[in-house]
Amino acid sequence: MFKYRLIRTTEKLKLAIVWRLPNWVVYWCTIRSGAYATTGEHSSQVVPDLTLINTLKRWEDKSKE
């Protein structure tokens, strides 16, 4: 039960911070991740066919390199 409360509290704190971010920061992050997901080794990607999940996976895979 303690672990659940700790995780839930941590998640609430993260969301409280994120909801206070300026719109331009969120917009820039979205554009940046989308640009990464369609350039370099993924340059043949058709943008309308790119899903949010694929974008996030590519960004996550980049950080593991």
C-alpha atoms as a PDB file:
ATOM      1  CA  MET A   1       0.000   0.000   0.000  1.00  0.00           C
ATOM      2  CA  PHE A   2       2.849   2.384   0.792  1.00  0.00           C
ATOM      3  CA  LYS A   3       4.447   1.824  -2.612  1.00  0.00           C
ATOM      4  CA  TYR A   4       1.145   2.598  -4.361  1.00  0.00           C
ATOM      5  CA  ARG A   5       0.721   5.858  -2.437  1.00  0.00           C
ATOM      6  CA  LEU A   6       4.301   6.876  -3.158  1.00  0.00           C
ATOM      7  CA  ILE A   7       3.902   6.228  -6.886  1.00  0.00           C
ATOM      8  CA  ARG A   8       0.556   8.031  -6.961  1.00  0.00           C
ATOM      9  CA  THR A   9       1.935  11.044  -5.097  1.00  0.00           C
ATOM     10  CA  THR A  10       4.948  11.193  -7.411  1.00  0.00           C
ATOM     11  CA  GLU A  11       2.671  11.048 -10.448  1.00  0.00           C
ATOM     12  CA  LYS A  12       0.487  13.842  -9.087  1.00  0.00           C
ATOM     13  CA  LEU A  13       3.570  15.993  -8.492  1.00  0.00           C
ATOM     14  CA  LYS A  14       4.797  15.417 -12.052  1.00  0.00           C
ATOM     15  CA  LEU A  15       1.411  16.343 -13.486  1.00  0.00           C
ATOM     16  CA  ALA A  16       1.213  19.471 -11.335  1.00  0.00           C
ATOM     17  CA  ILE A  17       4.553  20.615 -12.760  1.00  0.00           C
ATOM     18  CA  VAL A  18       3.696  19.732 -16.355  1.00  0.00           C
ATOM     19  CA  TRP A  19       0.346  21.520 -16.325  1.00  0.00           C
ATOM     20  CA  ARG A  20       2.150  24.710 -15.290  1.00  0.00           C
ATOM     21  CA  LEU A  21       4.583  24.668 -18.211  1.00  0.00           C
ATOM     22  CA  PRO A  22       4.195  27.509 -20.710  1.00  0.00           C
ATOM     23  CA  ASN A  23       2.429  26.530 -23.934  1.00  0.00           C
ATOM     24  CA  TRP A  24       5.460  27.443 -26.035  1.00  0.00           C
ATOM     25  CA  VAL A  25       7.609  24.883 -24.188  1.00  0.00           C
ATOM     26  CA  VAL A  26       5.106  22.093 -24.794  1.00  0.00           C
ATOM     27  CA  TYR A  27       4.758  23.156 -28.436  1.00  0.00           C
ATOM     28  CA  TRP A  28       8.536  23.198 -28.914  1.00  0.00           C
ATOM     29  CA  CYS A  29       8.889  19.722 -27.353  1.00  0.00           C
ATOM     30  CA  THR A  30       6.193  18.359 -29.650  1.00  0.00           C
ATOM     31  CA  ILE A  31       7.825  19.822 -32.755  1.00  0.00           C
ATOM     32  CA  ARG A  32      11.263  18.603 -31.649  1.00  0.00           C
ATOM     33  CA  SER A  33      10.143  15.011 -31.109  1.00  0.00           C
ATOM     34  CA  GLY A  34       8.211  14.993 -34.384  1.00  0.00           C
ATOM     35  CA  ALA A  35      11.216  16.353 -36.252  1.00  0.00           C
ATOM     36  CA  TYR A  36      13.475  13.688 -34.805  1.00  0.00           C
ATOM     37  CA  ALA A  37      10.991  10.947 -35.704  1.00  0.00           C
ATOM     38  CA  THR A  38      11.028  11.976 -39.377  1.00  0.00           C
ATOM     39  CA  THR A  39      14.719  12.727 -40.011  1.00  0.00           C
ATOM     40  CA  GLY A  40      17.978  10.797 -40.174  1.00  0.00           C
ATOM     41  CA  GLU A  41      17.439   7.055 -40.275  1.00  0.00           C
ATOM     42  CA  HIS A  42      13.671   7.677 -40.350  1.00  0.00           C
ATOM     43  CA  SER A  43      13.773  10.188 -43.218  1.00  0.00           C
ATOM     44  CA  SER A  44      11.593   7.998 -45.453  1.00  0.00           C
ATOM     45  CA  GLN A  45       8.722   8.221 -42.947  1.00  0.00           C
ATOM     46  CA  VAL A  46       5.477   9.597 -44.359  1.00  0.00           C
ATOM     47  CA  VAL A  47       4.473  12.166 -41.757  1.00  0.00           C
ATOM     48  CA  PRO A  48       0.677  11.619 -41.792  1.00  0.00           C
ATOM     49  CA  ASP A  49       1.283   7.904 -41.162  1.00  0.00           C
ATOM     50  CA  LEU A  50       3.427   8.550 -38.081  1.00  0.00           C
ATOM     51  CA  THR A  51       1.670   7.751 -34.805  1.00  0.00           C
ATOM     52  CA  LEU A  52       2.323   9.315 -31.441  1.00  0.00           C
ATOM     53  CA  ILE A  53       3.432   5.957 -30.049  1.00  0.00           C
ATOM     54  CA  ASN A  54       6.024   5.533 -32.818  1.00  0.00           C
ATOM     55  CA  THR A  55       7.308   9.059 -32.232  1.00  0.00           C
ATOM     56  CA  LEU A  56       7.775   8.425 -28.517  1.00  0.00           C
ATOM     57  CA  LYS A  57       9.392   5.034 -29.135  1.00  0.00           C
ATOM     58  CA  ARG A  58      11.920   6.561 -31.536  1.00  0.00           C
ATOM     59  CA  TRP A  59      12.731   9.306 -29.044  1.00  0.00           C
ATOM     60  CA  GLU A  60      13.141   6.754 -26.246  1.00  0.00           C
ATOM     61  CA  ASP A  61      15.361   4.554 -28.425  1.00  0.00           C
ATOM     62  CA  LYS A  62      17.519   7.626 -29.164  1.00  0.00           C
ATOM     63  CA  SER A  63      18.173   8.196 -25.482  1.00  0.00           C
ATOM     64  CA  LYS A  64      19.372   4.589 -25.063  1.00  0.00           C
ATOM     65  CA  GLU A  65      22.122   4.991 -27.673  1.00  0.00           C
END
